[in-house]
């Protein structure tokens, strides 16, 4: 799950860097890094939310 999110963030980082370099000839590093980190965290949260909770594991009842 973490590996997938890290790969997604790195792919987005490379894509945004390349696109900005091709079209603008300068890269806004702060924006690229922020978007990549937020997208990776969102992907991690998305994958984590898809895993169902096992209610049988609860102890104490």
N, C-alpha and C. Protein backbone atom coordinates (compact mmCIF):
# COMPACT_ATOMS: atom_id res chain seq x y z
N UNK A 1 0.82 -1.18 0.00
CA UNK A 1 0.00 0.00 0.00
C UNK A 1 0.88 1.26 0.00
N UNK A 2 1.89 1.29 0.87
CA UNK A 2 2.77 2.46 0.92
C UNK A 2 3.62 2.53 -0.35
N UNK A 3 4.06 1.37 -0.82
CA UNK A 3 4.88 1.33 -2.03
C UNK A 3 4.10 1.88 -3.23
N UNK A 4 2.83 1.51 -3.31
CA UNK A 4 1.98 1.98 -4.41
C UNK A 4 1.81 3.50 -4.35
N UNK A 5 1.58 4.04 -3.15
CA UNK A 5 1.39 5.48 -3.00
C UNK A 5 2.68 6.24 -3.29
N UNK A 6 3.80 5.68 -2.86
CA UNK A 6 5.09 6.31 -3.14
C UNK A 6 5.37 6.33 -4.64
N UNK A 7 5.08 5.23 -5.31
CA UNK A 7 5.25 5.18 -6.77
C UNK A 7 4.36 6.16 -7.49
N UNK A 8 3.12 6.29 -7.01
CA UNK A 8 2.18 7.23 -7.61
C UNK A 8 2.68 8.67 -7.45
N UNK A 9 3.16 9.00 -6.24
CA UNK A 9 3.68 10.35 -5.99
C UNK A 9 4.90 10.65 -6.83
N UNK A 10 5.81 9.67 -6.95
CA UNK A 10 7.02 9.88 -7.76
C UNK A 10 6.69 10.02 -9.24
N UNK A 11 5.73 9.23 -9.71
CA UNK A 11 5.31 9.34 -11.11
C UNK A 11 4.71 10.71 -11.38
N UNK A 12 3.89 11.18 -10.46
CA UNK A 12 3.28 12.49 -10.63
C UNK A 12 4.33 13.59 -10.56
N UNK A 13 5.32 13.45 -9.67
CA UNK A 13 6.41 14.41 -9.56
C UNK A 13 7.17 14.50 -10.89
N UNK A 14 7.53 13.35 -11.45
CA UNK A 14 8.26 13.34 -12.72
C UNK A 14 7.42 13.92 -13.85
N UNK A 15 6.16 13.57 -13.89
CA UNK A 15 5.28 14.07 -14.95
C UNK A 15 5.10 15.58 -14.88
N UNK A 16 4.84 16.09 -13.68
CA UNK A 16 4.66 17.53 -13.54
C UNK A 16 5.95 18.30 -13.85
N UNK A 17 7.08 17.76 -13.40
CA UNK A 17 8.36 18.40 -13.68
C UNK A 17 8.62 18.46 -15.18
N UNK A 18 8.40 17.35 -15.85
CA UNK A 18 8.62 17.29 -17.29
C UNK A 18 7.68 18.22 -18.05
N UNK A 19 6.42 18.22 -17.68
CA UNK A 19 5.45 19.09 -18.36
C UNK A 19 5.78 20.56 -18.18
N UNK A 20 6.12 20.93 -16.94
CA UNK A 20 6.46 22.33 -16.70
C UNK A 20 7.73 22.73 -17.43
N UNK A 21 8.69 21.82 -17.47
CA UNK A 21 9.94 22.14 -18.16
C UNK A 21 9.73 22.29 -19.67
N UNK A 22 8.90 21.43 -20.25
CA UNK A 22 8.66 21.48 -21.70
C UNK A 22 7.87 22.74 -22.07
N UNK A 23 6.82 23.05 -21.32
CA UNK A 23 5.94 24.15 -21.70
C UNK A 23 6.38 25.51 -21.18
N UNK A 24 7.02 25.56 -20.00
CA UNK A 24 7.37 26.86 -19.41
C UNK A 24 8.86 27.13 -19.37
N UNK A 25 9.66 26.10 -19.53
CA UNK A 25 11.13 26.18 -19.45
C UNK A 25 11.61 26.53 -18.04
N UNK A 26 10.72 26.54 -17.08
CA UNK A 26 11.12 26.67 -15.69
C UNK A 26 10.14 25.86 -14.84
N UNK A 27 10.64 25.31 -13.76
CA UNK A 27 9.84 24.42 -12.93
C UNK A 27 9.57 25.10 -11.59
N UNK A 28 8.32 25.12 -11.19
CA UNK A 28 7.94 25.65 -9.88
C UNK A 28 8.02 24.49 -8.89
N UNK A 29 9.19 24.36 -8.24
CA UNK A 29 9.46 23.18 -7.41
C UNK A 29 8.52 23.07 -6.22
N UNK A 30 8.18 24.17 -5.62
CA UNK A 30 7.29 24.13 -4.46
C UNK A 30 5.93 23.54 -4.81
N UNK A 31 5.38 23.97 -5.92
CA UNK A 31 4.08 23.47 -6.34
C UNK A 31 4.16 21.99 -6.71
N UNK A 32 5.22 21.61 -7.43
CA UNK A 32 5.37 20.23 -7.87
C UNK A 32 5.51 19.30 -6.66
N UNK A 33 6.34 19.69 -5.71
CA UNK A 33 6.54 18.86 -4.52
C UNK A 33 5.26 18.77 -3.70
N UNK A 34 4.58 19.90 -3.50
CA UNK A 34 3.35 19.91 -2.71
C UNK A 34 2.27 19.05 -3.33
N UNK A 35 2.07 19.18 -4.63
CA UNK A 35 1.04 18.39 -5.31
C UNK A 35 1.39 16.91 -5.27
N UNK A 36 2.65 16.57 -5.45
CA UNK A 36 3.07 15.17 -5.43
C UNK A 36 2.87 14.55 -4.05
N UNK A 37 3.23 15.28 -3.01
CA UNK A 37 3.06 14.75 -1.65
C UNK A 37 1.58 14.61 -1.31
N UNK A 38 0.79 15.61 -1.63
CA UNK A 38 -0.64 15.54 -1.35
C UNK A 38 -1.32 14.42 -2.13
N UNK A 39 -0.92 14.23 -3.38
CA UNK A 39 -1.50 13.15 -4.18
C UNK A 39 -1.10 11.79 -3.62
N UNK A 40 0.16 11.65 -3.19
CA UNK A 40 0.59 10.39 -2.59
C UNK A 40 -0.14 10.10 -1.30
N UNK A 41 -0.33 11.12 -0.45
CA UNK A 41 -1.08 10.92 0.79
C UNK A 41 -2.55 10.61 0.52
N UNK A 42 -3.13 11.27 -0.46
CA UNK A 42 -4.52 10.98 -0.82
C UNK A 42 -4.65 9.55 -1.33
N UNK A 43 -3.70 9.11 -2.15
CA UNK A 43 -3.73 7.74 -2.65
C UNK A 43 -3.58 6.74 -1.51
N UNK A 44 -2.70 7.03 -0.55
CA UNK A 44 -2.53 6.17 0.61
C UNK A 44 -3.82 6.10 1.43
N UNK A 45 -4.47 7.23 1.65
CA UNK A 45 -5.72 7.26 2.38
C UNK A 45 -6.81 6.51 1.63
N UNK A 46 -6.84 6.66 0.32
CA UNK A 46 -7.83 5.98 -0.51
C UNK A 46 -7.68 4.46 -0.41
N UNK A 47 -6.44 3.98 -0.52
CA UNK A 47 -6.18 2.53 -0.42
C UNK A 47 -6.49 2.01 0.98
N UNK A 48 -6.17 2.80 1.99
CA UNK A 48 -6.44 2.40 3.37
C UNK A 48 -7.94 2.32 3.62
N UNK A 49 -8.71 3.23 3.04
CA UNK A 49 -10.16 3.26 3.24
C UNK A 49 -10.86 2.09 2.55
N UNK A 50 -10.24 1.51 1.54
CA UNK A 50 -10.85 0.38 0.84
C UNK A 50 -10.72 -0.94 1.60
N UNK A 51 -9.84 -1.00 2.61
CA UNK A 51 -9.65 -2.22 3.38
C UNK A 51 -10.75 -2.30 4.44
N UNK A 52 -11.57 -3.35 4.40
CA UNK A 52 -12.66 -3.44 5.38
C UNK A 52 -12.15 -3.76 6.78
N UNK A 53 -12.85 -3.28 7.76
CA UNK A 53 -12.50 -3.54 9.15
C UNK A 53 -13.07 -4.89 9.56
N UNK A 54 -12.26 -5.70 10.21
CA UNK A 54 -12.70 -7.02 10.67
C UNK A 54 -13.29 -6.87 12.07
N UNK A 55 -14.61 -6.84 12.17
CA UNK A 55 -15.29 -6.62 13.43
C UNK A 55 -15.13 -7.79 14.39
N UNK A 56 -14.77 -8.96 13.90
CA UNK A 56 -14.58 -10.13 14.76
C UNK A 56 -13.32 -10.03 15.59
N UNK A 57 -12.39 -9.15 15.23
CA UNK A 57 -11.15 -9.00 15.95
C UNK A 57 -11.31 -8.21 17.25
N UNK A 58 -12.39 -7.49 17.40
CA UNK A 58 -12.58 -6.66 18.59
C UNK A 58 -12.53 -7.50 19.84
N UNK A 59 -11.78 -7.04 20.80
CA UNK A 59 -11.69 -7.79 22.05
C UNK A 59 -12.45 -7.06 23.14
N UNK A 60 -12.77 -7.78 24.17
CA UNK A 60 -13.44 -7.17 25.30
C UNK A 60 -14.94 -7.39 25.33
N UNK A 61 -15.52 -7.87 24.26
CA UNK A 61 -16.97 -8.11 24.25
C UNK A 61 -17.27 -9.54 23.95
